[in-house]
């Protein structure tokens, strides 16, 4: 199945350590990869309808130059839509003066029959259609009401299949769980113990690479490392993440 990766930090960081593990997730999801990041308020997306596993070295060189407060990553196993760039996650769209990015794991094919008022998908996936449908439902919703309104509409989509997703406007990262989403909060003080990546086997001491006040939340379909802090997000629950911390859990 497709795999999701989300990172939120209170500092601009690179994702080199996470990418070392993430590249292996492309082996079983060979139909595309994508990474979204923000720089000075500008959204950048690096993506291709190719196998991340096969292009890991080249992509890794590009990723190593990127620093951002928020990252969204995806590797695709095609289920709906052709295997081309228009169907590669993450997707982007503007609504209410903001630009959003979305990546999905699961299948909600019947949602493609739901009418859209004004937004037009570029590709054929149920994922992009669900994304645009969500944004249309959220139009005009006050900022304070966003988390509960988004969860309410996400719950409706979830009734039609599996619906794990990450959504961000570059300020807040929303992580909605259906059947497979895990998260971990990393915050000081950091000990000297080694953290080992699950598939890659590479180990590092967070104390050596993290700033004294640096904190982050990582969200992934499956845990990236052997850290004990990884938790499975219950089905139908959404995390609201800002500046490397969980601001709210909407269940």
Protein backbone atom coordinates (compact mmCIF):
# COMPACT_ATOMS: atom_id res chain seq x y z
CA UNK A 1 0.00 0.00 0.00
CA UNK A 2 1.04 3.62 -0.40
CA UNK A 3 3.06 5.14 2.41
CA UNK A 4 2.81 8.57 4.05
CA UNK A 5 5.44 10.68 5.80
CA UNK A 6 4.89 13.97 7.60
CA UNK A 7 7.35 16.09 9.57
CA UNK A 8 6.69 19.27 11.56
CA UNK A 9 9.46 21.08 13.45
CA UNK A 10 9.83 24.36 15.31
CA UNK A 11 13.03 24.96 13.29
CA UNK A 12 13.81 24.64 9.62
CA UNK A 13 15.36 21.18 9.39
CA UNK A 14 16.43 18.72 6.71
CA UNK A 15 14.93 15.27 6.40
CA UNK A 16 18.14 13.37 5.70
CA UNK A 17 17.75 10.92 8.59
CA UNK A 18 14.11 10.14 7.82
CA UNK A 19 14.86 9.87 4.10
CA UNK A 20 17.44 7.15 4.73
CA UNK A 21 14.57 4.98 5.96
CA UNK A 22 11.88 6.35 3.67
CA UNK A 23 13.73 5.41 0.47
CA UNK A 24 13.24 1.72 1.33
CA UNK A 25 9.45 2.21 1.39
CA UNK A 26 9.63 2.83 -2.34
CA UNK A 27 10.53 -0.81 -3.06
CA UNK A 28 6.94 -2.01 -2.58
CA UNK A 29 5.42 1.24 -3.85
CA UNK A 30 7.14 1.75 -7.22
CA UNK A 31 4.67 3.95 -9.10
CA UNK A 32 5.71 7.40 -7.90
CA UNK A 33 7.14 9.53 -5.12
CA UNK A 34 6.71 13.09 -3.95
CA UNK A 35 7.94 15.51 -1.30
CA UNK A 36 6.43 18.88 -0.37
CA UNK A 37 8.28 21.56 1.60
CA UNK A 38 7.97 25.28 2.29
CA UNK A 39 10.59 28.03 2.04
CA UNK A 40 9.79 31.58 3.05
CA UNK A 41 6.10 30.84 2.64
CA UNK A 42 6.61 29.35 -0.83
CA UNK A 43 5.55 25.79 -1.53
CA UNK A 44 7.90 23.49 -3.45
CA UNK A 45 7.03 19.97 -4.58
CA UNK A 46 9.53 17.44 -5.87
CA UNK A 47 7.78 14.45 -7.42
CA UNK A 48 7.98 11.90 -10.20
CA UNK A 49 6.00 8.92 -11.49
CA UNK A 50 9.09 6.77 -10.96
CA UNK A 51 10.35 4.36 -8.33
CA UNK A 52 11.96 6.09 -5.37
CA UNK A 53 13.76 2.84 -4.60
CA UNK A 54 15.47 2.93 -8.00
CA UNK A 55 16.22 6.69 -7.91
CA UNK A 56 17.06 6.99 -4.22
CA UNK A 57 20.63 8.27 -4.62
CA UNK A 58 19.71 11.10 -6.96
CA UNK A 59 16.60 12.06 -5.00
CA UNK A 60 18.59 11.92 -1.78
CA UNK A 61 21.06 14.49 -3.13
CA UNK A 62 18.19 16.84 -3.93
CA UNK A 63 16.46 16.26 -0.59
CA UNK A 64 19.67 16.98 1.34
CA UNK A 65 19.61 20.60 0.14
CA UNK A 66 16.08 21.27 1.43
CA UNK A 67 15.25 22.74 4.83
CA UNK A 68 11.67 23.34 5.95
CA UNK A 69 9.41 23.52 9.01
CA UNK A 70 7.05 21.01 7.39
CA UNK A 71 7.54 18.11 4.99
CA UNK A 72 4.96 15.82 3.41
CA UNK A 73 6.20 12.70 1.62
CA UNK A 74 4.44 9.93 -0.31
CA UNK A 75 5.33 6.80 -2.25
CA UNK A 76 2.65 5.38 -4.52
CA UNK A 77 1.29 1.96 -5.30
CA UNK A 78 -1.21 2.78 -8.05
CA UNK A 79 -4.79 1.64 -7.49
CA UNK A 80 -6.89 4.35 -9.18
CA UNK A 81 -5.63 6.41 -12.13
CA UNK A 82 -2.78 5.85 -14.56
CA UNK A 83 0.86 5.71 -13.53
CA UNK A 84 1.84 9.25 -14.53
CA UNK A 85 2.85 12.54 -12.95
CA UNK A 86 -0.67 13.94 -12.76
CA UNK A 87 -1.61 11.11 -10.42
CA UNK A 88 1.49 11.31 -8.26
CA UNK A 89 1.08 12.59 -4.69
CA UNK A 90 1.22 15.04 -3.05
CA UNK A 91 -1.39 17.21 -4.74
CA UNK A 92 -1.69 20.98 -4.42
CA UNK A 93 -4.66 23.35 -4.68
CA UNK A 94 -5.61 26.87 -3.62
CA UNK A 95 -8.65 27.74 -1.54
CA UNK A 96 -9.57 30.83 0.45
CA UNK A 97 -6.30 32.56 -0.34
CA UNK A 98 -4.21 29.65 0.94
CA UNK A 99 -2.38 26.89 -0.90
CA UNK A 100 -2.77 23.37 0.43
CA UNK A 101 -0.92 20.10 -0.08
CA UNK A 102 -2.48 16.67 0.35
CA UNK A 103 -1.28 13.04 0.28
CA UNK A 104 -3.44 9.96 0.82
CA UNK A 105 -3.06 6.29 1.62
CA UNK A 106 -6.05 4.09 0.86
CA UNK A 107 -8.82 3.80 -1.71
CA UNK A 108 -12.14 5.69 -1.74
CA UNK A 109 -13.12 5.13 -5.36
CA UNK A 110 -16.83 5.93 -5.01
CA UNK A 111 -15.98 9.48 -3.90
CA UNK A 112 -15.08 10.25 -7.53
CA UNK A 113 -18.82 10.39 -8.25
CA UNK A 114 -19.30 13.24 -5.78
CA UNK A 115 -19.76 16.53 -7.65
CA UNK A 116 -17.22 19.34 -7.34
CA UNK A 117 -18.52 22.90 -7.50
CA UNK A 118 -15.57 24.67 -9.08
CA UNK A 119 -12.31 22.76 -8.60
CA UNK A 120 -11.07 20.56 -11.43
CA UNK A 121 -8.72 17.60 -10.78
CA UNK A 122 -5.59 17.38 -12.92
CA UNK A 123 -5.48 13.59 -12.72
CA UNK A 124 -7.83 10.66 -12.31
CA UNK A 125 -7.25 9.53 -8.72
CA UNK A 126 -9.85 9.22 -6.01
CA UNK A 127 -7.25 10.81 -3.74
CA UNK A 128 -7.11 14.12 -5.58
CA UNK A 129 -10.90 14.19 -5.97
CA UNK A 130 -11.36 13.66 -2.21
CA UNK A 131 -8.81 16.42 -1.53
CA UNK A 132 -10.64 18.94 -3.69
CA UNK A 133 -14.00 17.89 -2.26
CA UNK A 134 -12.67 18.50 1.26
CA UNK A 135 -11.40 21.96 0.34
CA UNK A 136 -14.75 22.89 -1.17
CA UNK A 137 -16.56 21.83 2.00
CA UNK A 138 -14.10 23.85 4.10
CA UNK A 139 -14.57 27.08 2.13
CA UNK A 140 -15.58 29.87 4.50
CA UNK A 141 -14.97 27.87 7.68
CA UNK A 142 -13.46 30.04 10.44
CA UNK A 143 -9.91 29.18 11.53
CA UNK A 144 -11.01 28.15 15.01
CA UNK A 145 -13.50 25.67 13.55
CA UNK A 146 -11.15 24.14 10.98
CA UNK A 147 -10.00 21.04 12.90
CA UNK A 148 -13.47 19.76 13.84
CA UNK A 149 -14.99 20.69 10.48
CA UNK A 150 -12.18 18.96 8.59
CA UNK A 151 -12.53 15.83 10.71
CA UNK A 152 -16.31 15.79 10.18
CA UNK A 153 -15.93 15.86 6.40
CA UNK A 154 -13.02 13.38 6.50
CA UNK A 155 -15.22 10.99 8.47
CA UNK A 156 -17.76 11.09 5.64
CA UNK A 157 -15.10 10.18 3.06
CA UNK A 158 -13.79 7.41 5.33
CA UNK A 159 -17.19 5.68 5.15
CA UNK A 160 -16.35 4.84 1.52
CA UNK A 161 -13.02 3.05 1.98
CA UNK A 162 -9.63 3.60 3.60
CA UNK A 163 -8.72 7.22 4.19
CA UNK A 164 -5.39 8.00 5.86
CA UNK A 165 -4.12 11.42 4.82
CA UNK A 166 -1.79 14.35 5.48
CA UNK A 167 -2.84 17.92 4.68
CA UNK A 168 -0.97 21.18 5.21
CA UNK A 169 -0.98 24.87 4.32
CA UNK A 170 2.65 25.28 5.36
CA UNK A 171 1.71 26.42 8.87
CA UNK A 172 -0.27 23.51 10.27
CA UNK A 173 0.02 19.79 9.51
CA UNK A 174 -3.20 17.77 9.75
CA UNK A 175 -2.84 13.99 10.06
CA UNK A 176 -6.02 11.91 9.77
CA UNK A 177 -5.95 8.18 10.52
CA UNK A 178 -8.02 5.32 9.26
CA UNK A 179 -6.28 1.94 9.44
CA UNK A 180 -2.56 2.80 9.37
CA UNK A 181 -0.92 5.93 10.75
CA UNK A 182 1.69 6.30 13.50
CA UNK A 183 3.34 9.31 15.10
CA UNK A 184 6.10 10.22 17.50
CA UNK A 185 6.92 13.43 19.37
CA UNK A 186 10.60 14.25 19.70
CA UNK A 187 11.46 16.92 22.26
CA UNK A 188 14.33 17.89 24.55
CA UNK A 189 16.15 16.87 26.57
CA UNK A 190 17.67 14.33 24.19
CA UNK A 191 19.63 11.45 25.66
CA UNK A 192 22.71 9.88 24.18
CA UNK A 193 21.04 6.59 23.25
CA UNK A 194 21.15 5.51 19.63
CA UNK A 195 18.06 5.60 17.44
CA UNK A 196 18.08 2.92 14.73
CA UNK A 197 16.12 3.03 11.48
CA UNK A 198 13.94 -0.07 11.03
CA UNK A 199 14.79 -1.17 7.48
CA UNK A 200 17.95 0.81 6.82
CA UNK A 201 19.72 -0.19 10.04
CA UNK A 202 21.51 3.16 10.32
CA UNK A 203 21.81 4.53 13.88
CA UNK A 204 22.31 8.02 15.23
CA UNK A 205 22.23 9.84 18.57
CA UNK A 206 19.60 12.58 18.50
CA UNK A 207 21.60 14.44 21.12
CA UNK A 208 24.36 14.95 18.57
CA UNK A 209 22.16 16.34 15.78
CA UNK A 210 19.32 18.17 17.56
CA UNK A 211 19.47 21.71 18.88
CA UNK A 212 18.82 22.23 22.57
CA UNK A 213 15.31 23.61 21.97
CA UNK A 214 14.48 21.67 18.82
CA UNK A 215 11.32 19.61 18.77
CA UNK A 216 9.49 17.72 16.04
CA UNK A 217 6.53 15.48 15.34
CA UNK A 218 6.90 12.71 12.77
CA UNK A 219 3.89 10.96 11.23
CA UNK A 220 4.26 7.84 9.09
CA UNK A 221 2.22 4.91 7.84
CA UNK A 222 4.59 2.63 9.74
CA UNK A 223 7.21 3.65 12.35
CA UNK A 224 10.54 4.68 10.86
CA UNK A 225 12.74 3.77 13.81
CA UNK A 226 13.03 1.56 16.88
CA UNK A 227 12.15 4.41 19.28
CA UNK A 228 9.64 3.47 21.97
CA UNK A 229 7.69 6.71 21.53
CA UNK A 230 5.90 5.68 18.34
CA UNK A 231 2.11 5.47 18.81
CA UNK A 232 -0.64 4.25 16.51
CA UNK A 233 -3.26 6.92 15.86
CA UNK A 234 -6.75 5.48 16.47
CA UNK A 235 -9.09 5.21 13.49
CA UNK A 236 -11.12 8.34 12.91
CA UNK A 237 -8.68 10.53 14.86
CA UNK A 238 -6.95 13.62 13.55
CA UNK A 239 -3.81 15.30 14.86
CA UNK A 240 -3.37 19.06 14.52
CA UNK A 241 0.38 19.73 14.52
CA UNK A 242 2.10 23.13 14.68
CA UNK A 243 5.74 24.09 15.24
CA UNK A 244 6.82 20.56 16.06
CA UNK A 245 4.15 19.88 18.67
CA UNK A 246 0.71 18.30 18.78
CA UNK A 247 -1.64 21.25 19.24
CA UNK A 248 -4.79 19.12 19.36
CA UNK A 249 -6.05 15.58 18.92
CA UNK A 250 -9.56 15.51 17.50
CA UNK A 251 -11.23 12.14 18.05
